[in-house]
Protein backbone atom coordinates (compact mmCIF):
# COMPACT_ATOMS: atom_id res chain seq x y z
CA MET A 1 0.00 0.00 0.00
CA THR A 2 1.30 3.43 -0.90
CA ILE A 3 1.03 6.10 1.80
CA THR A 4 -0.39 9.27 0.29
CA ALA A 5 -0.93 12.79 1.61
CA LYS A 6 -4.56 11.78 2.23
CA HIS A 7 -3.42 8.91 4.49
CA THR A 8 -0.99 11.19 6.31
CA ALA A 9 -3.69 13.82 6.91
CA ALA A 10 -6.09 11.16 8.21
CA LEU A 11 -3.44 9.80 10.59
CA ALA A 12 -2.62 13.30 11.82
CA ALA A 13 -6.30 13.99 12.48
CA PHE A 14 -6.64 10.67 14.32
CA ALA A 15 -3.54 11.46 16.40
CA ALA A 16 -4.97 14.84 17.42
CA VAL A 17 -8.27 13.26 18.50
CA ALA A 18 -6.45 10.47 20.34
CA LEU A 19 -4.26 12.99 22.16
CA PHE A 20 -7.35 15.02 23.14
CA VAL A 21 -9.00 11.90 24.58
CA LEU A 22 -5.80 10.97 26.42
CA ALA A 23 -5.52 14.50 27.80
CA LYS A 24 -8.97 14.17 29.32
CA ALA A 25 -8.22 10.73 30.72
CA LEU A 26 -4.79 11.68 32.11
CA SER A 27 -5.81 15.15 33.30
CA LEU A 28 -3.28 16.92 31.09
CA PRO A 29 -3.72 20.69 30.86
CA PRO A 30 -6.53 21.73 28.53
CA GLY A 31 -5.75 23.65 25.39
CA VAL A 32 -2.14 23.26 24.29
CA LEU A 33 -1.00 19.65 23.99
CA VAL A 34 2.59 18.85 23.02
CA PHE A 35 2.91 15.51 21.21
CA SER A 36 4.92 12.79 22.93
CA ALA A 37 6.70 9.88 21.27
CA ASP A 38 4.37 7.27 22.78
CA GLY A 39 1.16 9.30 22.42
CA SER A 40 0.61 9.60 26.18
CA GLY A 41 1.34 13.33 26.35
CA ARG A 42 4.15 12.62 28.82
CA GLY A 43 7.79 11.56 28.73
CA GLN A 44 9.87 11.68 25.56
CA GLY A 45 8.51 14.39 23.30
CA ALA A 46 7.92 13.84 19.60
CA ILE A 47 10.67 16.41 19.11
CA LEU A 48 12.67 16.08 15.91
CA HIS A 49 16.10 17.30 14.91
CA ALA A 50 15.18 20.06 12.45
CA GLY A 51 14.81 18.88 8.87
CA THR A 52 15.16 15.20 9.77
CA PRO A 53 12.89 12.34 10.82
CA HIS A 54 15.09 11.70 13.89
CA VAL A 55 13.64 12.12 17.38
CA ALA A 56 15.92 13.88 19.88
CA ASP A 57 16.04 10.89 22.24
CA GLU A 58 18.74 8.88 24.01
CA ASN A 59 19.73 7.22 20.71
CA PHE A 60 20.14 10.53 18.88
CA PRO A 61 20.42 13.31 21.49
CA ALA A 62 20.42 16.99 20.65
CA ARG A 63 23.28 19.33 21.53
CA THR A 64 23.14 22.88 22.75
CA GLY A 65 22.78 25.15 19.75
CA ASP A 66 20.87 22.52 17.71
CA VAL A 67 17.52 23.44 16.21
CA VAL A 68 14.63 21.09 16.98
CA GLU A 69 11.02 20.86 15.79
CA ILE A 70 8.32 20.56 18.45
CA TYR A 71 4.78 19.61 17.43
CA LEU A 72 1.65 20.45 19.36
CA THR A 73 -2.04 20.96 18.95
CA GLY A 74 -4.43 23.44 20.48
CA PRO A 75 -7.98 24.71 20.30
CA ALA A 76 -9.30 24.71 16.72
CA ALA A 77 -10.26 28.38 16.97
CA ASN A 78 -6.62 29.24 17.69
CA LEU A 79 -5.19 26.96 15.01
CA GLU A 80 -7.53 28.51 12.44
CA LYS A 81 -5.82 31.88 13.07
CA CYS A 82 -2.59 30.41 11.72
CA PRO A 83 -2.12 30.19 7.96
CA THR A 84 -0.92 26.81 6.70
CA GLY A 85 2.74 26.72 5.70
CA ALA A 86 3.55 30.15 7.12
CA ALA A 87 4.67 31.68 10.39
CA CYS A 88 1.91 32.43 12.87
CA GLU A 89 2.56 35.35 15.17
CA ALA A 90 -0.89 34.83 16.72
CA ALA A 91 0.44 31.65 18.37
CA ALA A 92 2.92 33.72 20.42
CA ALA A 93 4.89 30.55 21.15
CA ALA A 94 7.44 30.45 23.96
CA VAL A 95 9.67 27.50 24.88
CA ARG A 96 11.69 26.58 27.96
CA ILE A 97 14.21 23.75 27.75
CA GLY A 98 15.91 22.56 30.91
CA GLY A 99 14.49 25.59 32.71
CA LEU A 100 16.06 28.06 30.26
CA ASP A 101 14.26 30.25 27.73
CA ALA A 102 14.82 29.02 24.18
CA VAL A 103 14.71 31.22 21.09
CA VAL A 104 11.69 30.43 18.93
CA LEU A 105 12.77 30.57 15.29
CA PHE A 106 9.42 29.61 13.75
CA ALA A 107 5.90 28.83 14.91
CA GLY A 108 3.27 27.92 12.35
CA ARG A 109 1.13 25.21 10.83
CA PRO A 110 3.14 22.93 8.55
CA ALA A 111 1.86 22.57 4.99
CA GLY A 112 -1.01 20.09 4.91
CA ALA A 113 -1.54 20.18 8.68
CA SER A 114 -4.79 21.67 9.87
CA ASN A 115 -4.61 20.37 13.42
CA ARG A 116 -1.07 21.00 14.63
CA LEU A 117 1.50 23.69 15.14
CA GLN A 118 5.21 23.30 14.51
CA VAL A 119 7.58 25.25 16.74
CA ASN A 120 11.25 25.39 15.72
CA THR A 121 13.55 26.36 18.55
CA ARG A 122 17.24 26.31 19.36
CA ILE A 123 18.53 24.34 22.38
CA PRO A 124 19.90 27.11 24.64
CA GLU A 125 23.52 27.21 25.73
CA GLY A 126 23.82 26.21 29.36
CA VAL A 127 21.21 23.43 29.31
CA ALA A 128 22.43 20.60 31.52
CA PRO A 129 22.85 17.44 29.46
CA GLY A 130 20.73 14.41 30.24
CA PRO A 131 18.37 11.80 28.80
CA ARG A 132 15.20 13.53 30.05
CA VAL A 133 15.59 17.31 29.86
CA PRO A 134 12.20 18.99 30.47
CA VAL A 135 10.56 20.94 27.65
CA LEU A 136 7.67 23.35 28.24
CA VAL A 137 5.84 25.10 25.42
CA GLU A 138 3.33 27.91 25.73
CA ALA A 139 1.14 28.99 22.82
CA TRP A 140 -1.79 31.39 22.63
CA GLY A 141 -1.03 32.33 26.24
CA GLN A 142 -1.70 28.78 27.45
CA PRO A 143 0.90 26.42 28.92
CA GLY A 144 1.25 22.96 27.45
CA ASN A 145 2.09 19.64 29.03
CA GLU A 146 5.71 18.92 29.93
CA VAL A 147 7.62 16.49 27.74
CA THR A 148 11.33 15.70 27.57
CA LEU A 149 14.17 15.39 25.10
CA ALA A 150 17.72 14.08 25.36
CA VAL A 151 20.64 16.53 25.31
CA ARG A 152 24.33 15.59 25.31
């Protein structure tokens, strides 16, 4: 079977609904939900090394200065304010990694994604290395759930 853009969009929509249901069941904060690698909304974030399919985990940790892509979802009314494939200043995204403010380089809906926001950020200098460095994202003035990434 060939995976098409239609399949990818359907899977992304399913993932957003599944995360919403999990958020309710696990009492995650309402509103902004950062995707995790296992779909639980906790633990290892689905945080990619920018421009790659590689998750910043213990097998392929990030380094300070690296750019990573963080994916999240939020209320539909807020996502609709963001044009697809372009930066979205309305999201007003802010990121803290290892307790330090990280520079947000881009926040917007990726092309073909109606239900998620991509936030590109740089791992700040001074972050203590470790396999589970906490990552907090705020968008639209709402805090998201805490996930982690590996930093060496």
